[in-house]
Amino acid sequence: MHPDTTILGLTGSLRQQSYNRGLLHAARAVAPGHVAMQLFDLAALPLFNEDLERDGDPPAVRALKARIAAAAPC
């Protein structure tokens, strides 16, 4: 079955064995067939720096924005 709903999971902890990360993996494992759950690793995101933003988003920020747009309903 092709998923018609996409959920983008973001964990608040960068630790590989965090409880939040584990819960997101468990949720993905039990999601029904019409739901696709994707995880995004926030470790690559830089801290907010308006100087960087002025020159365009860093690649990791562009990737996150693209994943959010892909998961968001139209």
PDB file of N, CA and C in Angstrom:
ATOM      1  N   MET A   1       0.848  -1.183   0.000  1.00  0.00           N
ATOM      2  CA  MET A   1       0.000   0.000   0.000  1.00  0.00           C
ATOM      3  C   MET A   1       0.889   1.241   0.000  1.00  0.00           C
ATOM      4  N   HIS A   2       0.554   2.166  -0.859  1.00  0.00           N
ATOM      5  CA  HIS A   2       1.308   3.415  -0.945  1.00  0.00           C
ATOM      6  C   HIS A   2       0.854   4.345   0.185  1.00  0.00           C
ATOM      7  N   PRO A   3       1.801   4.908   0.949  1.00  0.00           N
ATOM      8  CA  PRO A   3       1.403   5.807   2.043  1.00  0.00           C
ATOM      9  C   PRO A   3       0.779   7.089   1.513  1.00  0.00           C
ATOM     10  N   ASP A   4      -0.315   7.516   2.137  1.00  0.00           N
ATOM     11  CA  ASP A   4      -0.911   8.786   1.753  1.00  0.00           C
ATOM     12  C   ASP A   4      -0.720   9.838   2.840  1.00  0.00           C
ATOM     13  N   THR A   5      -0.042   9.461   3.903  1.00  0.00           N
ATOM     14  CA  THR A   5       0.290  10.383   4.980  1.00  0.00           C
ATOM     15  C   THR A   5       1.760  10.210   5.318  1.00  0.00           C
ATOM     16  N   THR A   6       2.482  11.308   5.401  1.00  0.00           N
ATOM     17  CA  THR A   6       3.882  11.256   5.794  1.00  0.00           C
ATOM     18  C   THR A   6       4.067  12.060   7.068  1.00  0.00           C
ATOM     19  N   ILE A   7       4.693  11.429   8.055  1.00  0.00           N
ATOM     20  CA  ILE A   7       5.005  12.091   9.323  1.00  0.00           C
ATOM     21  C   ILE A   7       6.515  12.238   9.391  1.00  0.00           C
ATOM     22  N   LEU A   8       6.964  13.444   9.685  1.00  0.00           N
ATOM     23  CA  LEU A   8       8.389  13.694   9.844  1.00  0.00           C
ATOM     24  C   LEU A   8       8.682  13.776  11.331  1.00  0.00           C
ATOM     25  N   GLY A   9       9.488  12.841  11.836  1.00  0.00           N
ATOM     26  CA  GLY A   9       9.817  12.791  13.254  1.00  0.00           C
ATOM     27  C   GLY A   9      11.136  13.484  13.542  1.00  0.00           C
ATOM     28  N   LEU A  10      11.122  14.378  14.507  1.00  0.00           N
ATOM     29  CA  LEU A  10      12.322  15.093  14.949  1.00  0.00           C
ATOM     30  C   LEU A  10      12.530  14.768  16.421  1.00  0.00           C
ATOM     31  N   THR A  11      13.709  14.331  16.782  1.00  0.00           N
ATOM     32  CA  THR A  11      13.983  14.039  18.177  1.00  0.00           C
ATOM     33  C   THR A  11      14.720  15.206  18.812  1.00  0.00           C
ATOM     34  N   GLY A  12      14.406  15.482  20.048  1.00  0.00           N
ATOM     35  CA  GLY A  12      15.027  16.604  20.740  1.00  0.00           C
ATOM     36  C   GLY A  12      16.398  16.291  21.300  1.00  0.00           C
ATOM     37  N   SER A  13      16.788  15.037  21.264  1.00  0.00           N
ATOM     38  CA  SER A  13      18.085  14.635  21.814  1.00  0.00           C
ATOM     39  C   SER A  13      18.991  14.184  20.679  1.00  0.00           C
ATOM     40  N   LEU A  14      20.252  14.526  20.775  1.00  0.00           N
ATOM     41  CA  LEU A  14      21.215  14.113  19.749  1.00  0.00           C
ATOM     42  C   LEU A  14      21.847  12.758  20.065  1.00  0.00           C
ATOM     43  N   ARG A  15      21.633  12.254  21.267  1.00  0.00           N
ATOM     44  CA  ARG A  15      22.230  10.988  21.693  1.00  0.00           C
ATOM     45  C   ARG A  15      21.606   9.840  20.903  1.00  0.00           C
ATOM     46  N   GLN A  16      22.431   8.973  20.346  1.00  0.00           N
ATOM     47  CA  GLN A  16      21.948   7.879  19.504  1.00  0.00           C
ATOM     48  C   GLN A  16      20.998   6.936  20.249  1.00  0.00           C
ATOM     49  N   GLN A  17      21.200   6.722  21.526  1.00  0.00           N
ATOM     50  CA  GLN A  17      20.363   5.808  22.299  1.00  0.00           C
ATOM     51  C   GLN A  17      19.336   6.555  23.152  1.00  0.00           C
ATOM     52  N   SER A  18      18.912   7.748  22.721  1.00  0.00           N
ATOM     53  CA  SER A  18      17.954   8.528  23.509  1.00  0.00           C
ATOM     54  C   SER A  18      16.590   7.839  23.508  1.00  0.00           C
ATOM     55  N   TYR A  19      15.829   8.080  24.551  1.00  0.00           N
ATOM     56  CA  TYR A  19      14.480   7.521  24.646  1.00  0.00           C
ATOM     57  C   TYR A  19      13.584   8.079  23.548  1.00  0.00           C
ATOM     58  N   ASN A  20      13.704   9.366  23.262  1.00  0.00           N
ATOM     59  CA  ASN A  20      12.879   9.972  22.212  1.00  0.00           C
ATOM     60  C   ASN A  20      13.148   9.327  20.856  1.00  0.00           C
ATOM     61  N   ARG A  21      14.415   9.101  20.554  1.00  0.00           N
ATOM     62  CA  ARG A  21      14.775   8.461  19.280  1.00  0.00           C
ATOM     63  C   ARG A  21      14.196   7.045  19.239  1.00  0.00           C
ATOM     64  N   GLY A  22      14.290   6.328  20.348  1.00  0.00           N
ATOM     65  CA  GLY A  22      13.736   4.983  20.412  1.00  0.00           C
ATOM     66  C   GLY A  22      12.234   4.966  20.217  1.00  0.00           C
ATOM     67  N   LEU A  23      11.547   5.937  20.810  1.00  0.00           N
ATOM     68  CA  LEU A  23      10.099   6.026  20.641  1.00  0.00           C
ATOM     69  C   LEU A  23       9.719   6.317  19.195  1.00  0.00           C
ATOM     70  N   LEU A  24      10.485   7.172  18.529  1.00  0.00           N
ATOM     71  CA  LEU A  24      10.197   7.460  17.125  1.00  0.00           C
ATOM     72  C   LEU A  24      10.396   6.214  16.257  1.00  0.00           C
ATOM     73  N   HIS A  25      11.449   5.451  16.541  1.00  0.00           N
ATOM     74  CA  HIS A  25      11.672   4.206  15.791  1.00  0.00           C
ATOM     75  C   HIS A  25      10.537   3.215  16.053  1.00  0.00           C
ATOM     76  N   ALA A  26      10.076   3.131  17.298  1.00  0.00           N
ATOM     77  CA  ALA A  26       8.969   2.232  17.628  1.00  0.00           C
ATOM     78  C   ALA A  26       7.685   2.677  16.934  1.00  0.00           C
ATOM     79  N   ALA A  27       7.428   3.980  16.901  1.00  0.00           N
ATOM     80  CA  ALA A  27       6.236   4.494  16.225  1.00  0.00           C
ATOM     81  C   ALA A  27       6.287   4.178  14.737  1.00  0.00           C
ATOM     82  N   ARG A  28       7.456   4.309  14.152  1.00  0.00           N
ATOM     83  CA  ARG A  28       7.601   4.001  12.722  1.00  0.00           C
ATOM     84  C   ARG A  28       7.336   2.515  12.474  1.00  0.00           C
ATOM     85  N   ALA A  29       7.778   1.666  13.402  1.00  0.00           N
ATOM     86  CA  ALA A  29       7.610   0.220  13.231  1.00  0.00           C
ATOM     87  C   ALA A  29       6.144  -0.210  13.294  1.00  0.00           C
ATOM     88  N   VAL A  30       5.329   0.503  14.047  1.00  0.00           N
ATOM     89  CA  VAL A  30       3.921   0.099  14.191  1.00  0.00           C
ATOM     90  C   VAL A  30       2.959   0.979  13.389  1.00  0.00           C
ATOM     91  N   ALA A  31       3.479   1.896  12.610  1.00  0.00           N
ATOM     92  CA  ALA A  31       2.616   2.775  11.815  1.00  0.00           C
ATOM     93  C   ALA A  31       1.838   1.943  10.801  1.00  0.00           C
ATOM     94  N   PRO A  32       0.572   2.272  10.592  1.00  0.00           N
ATOM     95  CA  PRO A  32      -0.204   1.537   9.589  1.00  0.00           C
ATOM     96  C   PRO A  32       0.355   1.754   8.186  1.00  0.00           C
ATOM     97  N   GLY A  33      -0.033   0.890   7.265  1.00  0.00           N
ATOM     98  CA  GLY A  33       0.515   0.920   5.911  1.00  0.00           C
ATOM     99  C   GLY A  33       0.289   2.206   5.147  1.00  0.00           C
ATOM    100  N   HIS A  34      -0.744   2.965   5.495  1.00  0.00           N
ATOM    101  CA  HIS A  34      -1.010   4.204   4.761  1.00  0.00           C
ATOM    102  C   HIS A  34      -0.221   5.389   5.325  1.00  0.00           C
ATOM    103  N   VAL A  35       0.629   5.125   6.336  1.00  0.00           N
ATOM    104  CA  VAL A  35       1.423   6.185   6.964  1.00  0.00           C
ATOM    105  C   VAL A  35       2.909   5.885   6.772  1.00  0.00           C
ATOM    106  N   ALA A  36       3.629   6.851   6.235  1.00  0.00           N
ATOM    107  CA  ALA A  36       5.089   6.765   6.138  1.00  0.00           C
ATOM    108  C   ALA A  36       5.664   7.667   7.224  1.00  0.00           C
ATOM    109  N   MET A  37       6.551   7.133   8.025  1.00  0.00           N
ATOM    110  CA  MET A  37       7.174   7.940   9.071  1.00  0.00           C
ATOM    111  C   MET A  37       8.658   8.047   8.755  1.00  0.00           C
ATOM    112  N   GLN A  38       9.116   9.276   8.591  1.00  0.00           N
ATOM    113  CA  GLN A  38      10.518   9.543   8.305  1.00  0.00           C
ATOM    114  C   GLN A  38      11.136  10.232   9.505  1.00  0.00           C
ATOM    115  N   LEU A  39      12.401   9.948   9.756  1.00  0.00           N
ATOM    116  CA  LEU A  39      13.118  10.584  10.855  1.00  0.00           C
ATOM    117  C   LEU A  39      14.179  11.512  10.274  1.00  0.00           C
ATOM    118  N   PHE A  40      14.388  12.630  10.939  1.00  0.00           N
ATOM    119  CA  PHE A  40      15.412  13.580  10.511  1.00  0.00           C
ATOM    120  C   PHE A  40      16.368  13.806  11.674  1.00  0.00           C
ATOM    121  N   ASP A  41      17.652  13.625  11.412  1.00  0.00           N
ATOM    122  CA  ASP A  41      18.678  13.789  12.441  1.00  0.00           C
ATOM    123  C   ASP A  41      19.073  15.261  12.521  1.00  0.00           C
ATOM    124  N   LEU A  42      18.824  15.874  13.663  1.00  0.00           N
ATOM    125  CA  LEU A  42      19.114  17.300  13.848  1.00  0.00           C
ATOM    126  C   LEU A  42      20.588  17.595  14.119  1.00  0.00           C
ATOM    127  N   ALA A  43      21.414  16.564  14.259  1.00  0.00           N
ATOM    128  CA  ALA A  43      22.818  16.765  14.619  1.00  0.00           C
ATOM    129  C   ALA A  43      23.577  17.631  13.618  1.00  0.00           C
ATOM    130  N   ALA A  44      23.190  17.590  12.359  1.00  0.00           N
ATOM    131  CA  ALA A  44      23.913  18.348  11.328  1.00  0.00           C
ATOM    132  C   ALA A  44      23.497  19.812  11.259  1.00  0.00           C
ATOM    133  N   LEU A  45      22.419  20.177  11.951  1.00  0.00           N
ATOM    134  CA  LEU A  45      21.950  21.564  11.878  1.00  0.00           C
ATOM    135  C   LEU A  45      22.846  22.489  12.691  1.00  0.00           C
ATOM    136  N   PRO A  46      23.228  23.618  12.118  1.00  0.00           N
ATOM    137  CA  PRO A  46      24.007  24.587  12.883  1.00  0.00           C
ATOM    138  C   PRO A  46      23.100  25.358  13.848  1.00  0.00           C
ATOM    139  N   LEU A  47      23.681  25.939  14.863  1.00  0.00           N
ATOM    140  CA  LEU A  47      22.929  26.848  15.712  1.00  0.00           C
ATOM    141  C   LEU A  47      22.485  28.034  14.862  1.00  0.00           C
ATOM    142  N   PHE A  48      21.394  28.662  15.246  1.00  0.00           N
ATOM    143  CA  PHE A  48      20.904  29.791  14.460  1.00  0.00           C
ATOM    144  C   PHE A  48      21.937  30.904  14.436  1.00  0.00           C
ATOM    145  N   ASN A  49      22.229  31.362  13.248  1.00  0.00           N
ATOM    146  CA  ASN A  49      23.167  32.451  13.052  1.00  0.00           C
ATOM    147  C   ASN A  49      22.635  33.287  11.889  1.00  0.00           C
ATOM    148  N   GLU A  50      22.119  34.459  12.213  1.00  0.00           N
ATOM    149  CA  GLU A  50      21.512  35.291  11.178  1.00  0.00           C
ATOM    150  C   GLU A  50      22.512  35.649  10.078  1.00  0.00           C
ATOM    151  N   ASP A  51      23.793  35.700  10.401  1.00  0.00           N
ATOM    152  CA  ASP A  51      24.801  35.971   9.374  1.00  0.00           C
ATOM    153  C   ASP A  51      24.811  34.870   8.319  1.00  0.00           C
ATOM    154  N   LEU A  52      24.672  33.613   8.762  1.00  0.00           N
ATOM    155  CA  LEU A  52      24.617  32.503   7.809  1.00  0.00           C
ATOM    156  C   LEU A  52      23.334  32.547   6.990  1.00  0.00           C
ATOM    157  N   GLU A  53      22.242  32.902   7.645  1.00  0.00           N
ATOM    158  CA  GLU A  53      20.945  32.955   6.970  1.00  0.00           C
ATOM    159  C   GLU A  53      20.952  33.989   5.845  1.00  0.00           C
ATOM    160  N   ARG A  54      21.628  35.082   6.054  1.00  0.00           N
ATOM    161  CA  ARG A  54      21.694  36.159   5.058  1.00  0.00           C
ATOM    162  C   ARG A  54      22.346  35.664   3.769  1.00  0.00           C
ATOM    163  N   ASP A  55      23.304  34.737   3.894  1.00  0.00           N
ATOM    164  CA  ASP A  55      24.010  34.200   2.733  1.00  0.00           C
ATOM    165  C   ASP A  55      23.306  32.993   2.125  1.00  0.00           C
ATOM    166  N   GLY A  56      22.141  32.659   2.638  1.00  0.00           N
ATOM    167  CA  GLY A  56      21.406  31.475   2.172  1.00  0.00           C
ATOM    168  C   GLY A  56      21.523  30.372   3.216  1.00  0.00           C
ATOM    169  N   ASP A  57      20.576  29.502   3.214  1.00  0.00           N
ATOM    170  CA  ASP A  57      20.567  28.427   4.205  1.00  0.00           C
ATOM    171  C   ASP A  57      21.730  27.464   3.995  1.00  0.00           C
ATOM    172  N   PRO A  58      22.341  27.010   5.097  1.00  0.00           N
ATOM    173  CA  PRO A  58      23.339  25.934   4.983  1.00  0.00           C
ATOM    174  C   PRO A  58      22.661  24.668   4.449  1.00  0.00           C
ATOM    175  N   PRO A  59      23.420  23.752   3.865  1.00  0.00           N
ATOM    176  CA  PRO A  59      22.827  22.550   3.266  1.00  0.00           C
ATOM    177  C   PRO A  59      21.927  21.760   4.214  1.00  0.00           C
ATOM    178  N   ALA A  60      22.305  21.615   5.472  1.00  0.00           N
ATOM    179  CA  ALA A  60      21.483  20.850   6.415  1.00  0.00           C
ATOM    180  C   ALA A  60      20.142  21.534   6.656  1.00  0.00           C
ATOM    181  N   VAL A  61      20.116  22.847   6.660  1.00  0.00           N
ATOM    182  CA  VAL A  61      18.872  23.593   6.851  1.00  0.00           C
ATOM    183  C   VAL A  61      17.992  23.445   5.614  1.00  0.00           C
ATOM    184  N   ARG A  62      18.589  23.513   4.439  1.00  0.00           N
ATOM    185  CA  ARG A  62      17.820  23.300   3.206  1.00  0.00           C
ATOM    186  C   ARG A  62      17.208  21.907   3.187  1.00  0.00           C
ATOM    187  N   ALA A  63      17.982  20.915   3.630  1.00  0.00           N
ATOM    188  CA  ALA A  63      17.480  19.535   3.662  1.00  0.00           C
ATOM    189  C   ALA A  63      16.293  19.405   4.610  1.00  0.00           C
ATOM    190  N   LEU A  64      16.381  20.017   5.789  1.00  0.00           N
ATOM    191  CA  LEU A  64      15.270  19.959   6.738  1.00  0.00           C
ATOM    192  C   LEU A  64      14.039  20.651   6.179  1.00  0.00           C
ATOM    193  N   LYS A  65      14.205  21.819   5.578  1.00  0.00           N
ATOM    194  CA  LYS A  65      13.075  22.544   5.000  1.00  0.00           C
ATOM    195  C   LYS A  65      12.412  21.725   3.893  1.00  0.00           C
ATOM    196  N   ALA A  66      13.218  21.049   3.093  1.00  0.00           N
ATOM    197  CA  ALA A  66      12.671  20.224   2.018  1.00  0.00           C
ATOM    198  C   ALA A  66      11.883  19.044   2.573  1.00  0.00           C
ATOM    199  N   ARG A  67      12.400  18.417   3.636  1.00  0.00           N
ATOM    200  CA  ARG A  67      11.696  17.289   4.256  1.00  0.00           C
ATOM    201  C   ARG A  67      10.390  17.744   4.898  1.00  0.00           C
ATOM    202  N   ILE A  68      10.388  18.931   5.518  1.00  0.00           N
ATOM    203  CA  ILE A  68       9.155  19.459   6.101  1.00  0.00           C
ATOM    204  C   ILE A  68       8.137  19.726   5.011  1.00  0.00           C
ATOM    205  N   ALA A  69       8.574  20.351   3.924  1.00  0.00           N
ATOM    206  CA  ALA A  69       7.669  20.657   2.818  1.00  0.00           C
ATOM    207  C   ALA A  69       7.096  19.370   2.204  1.00  0.00           C
ATOM    208  N   ALA A  70       7.915  18.335   2.115  1.00  0.00           N
ATOM    209  CA  ALA A  70       7.450  17.075   1.530  1.00  0.00           C
ATOM    210  C   ALA A  70       6.448  16.375   2.434  1.00  0.00           C
ATOM    211  N   ALA A  71       6.584  16.545   3.749  1.00  0.00           N
ATOM    212  CA  ALA A  71       5.688  15.884   4.684  1.00  0.00           C
ATOM    213  C   ALA A  71       4.426  16.690   4.943  1.00  0.00           C
ATOM    214  N   ALA A  72       4.469  17.987   4.678  1.00  0.00           N
ATOM    215  CA  ALA A  72       3.330  18.862   4.961  1.00  0.00           C
ATOM    216  C   ALA A  72       2.216  18.634   3.958  1.00  0.00           C
ATOM    217  N   PRO A  73       0.970  18.716   4.417  1.00  0.00           N
ATOM    218  CA  PRO A  73      -0.145  18.578   3.480  1.00  0.00           C
ATOM    219  C   PRO A  73      -0.198  19.773   2.529  1.00  0.00           C
ATOM    220  N   CYS A  74      -0.662  19.525   1.336  1.00  0.00           N
ATOM    221  CA  CYS A  74      -0.770  20.587   0.326  1.00  0.00           C
ATOM    222  C   CYS A  74      -2.031  21.374   0.489  1.00  0.00           C
TER     223      CYS A  74
END
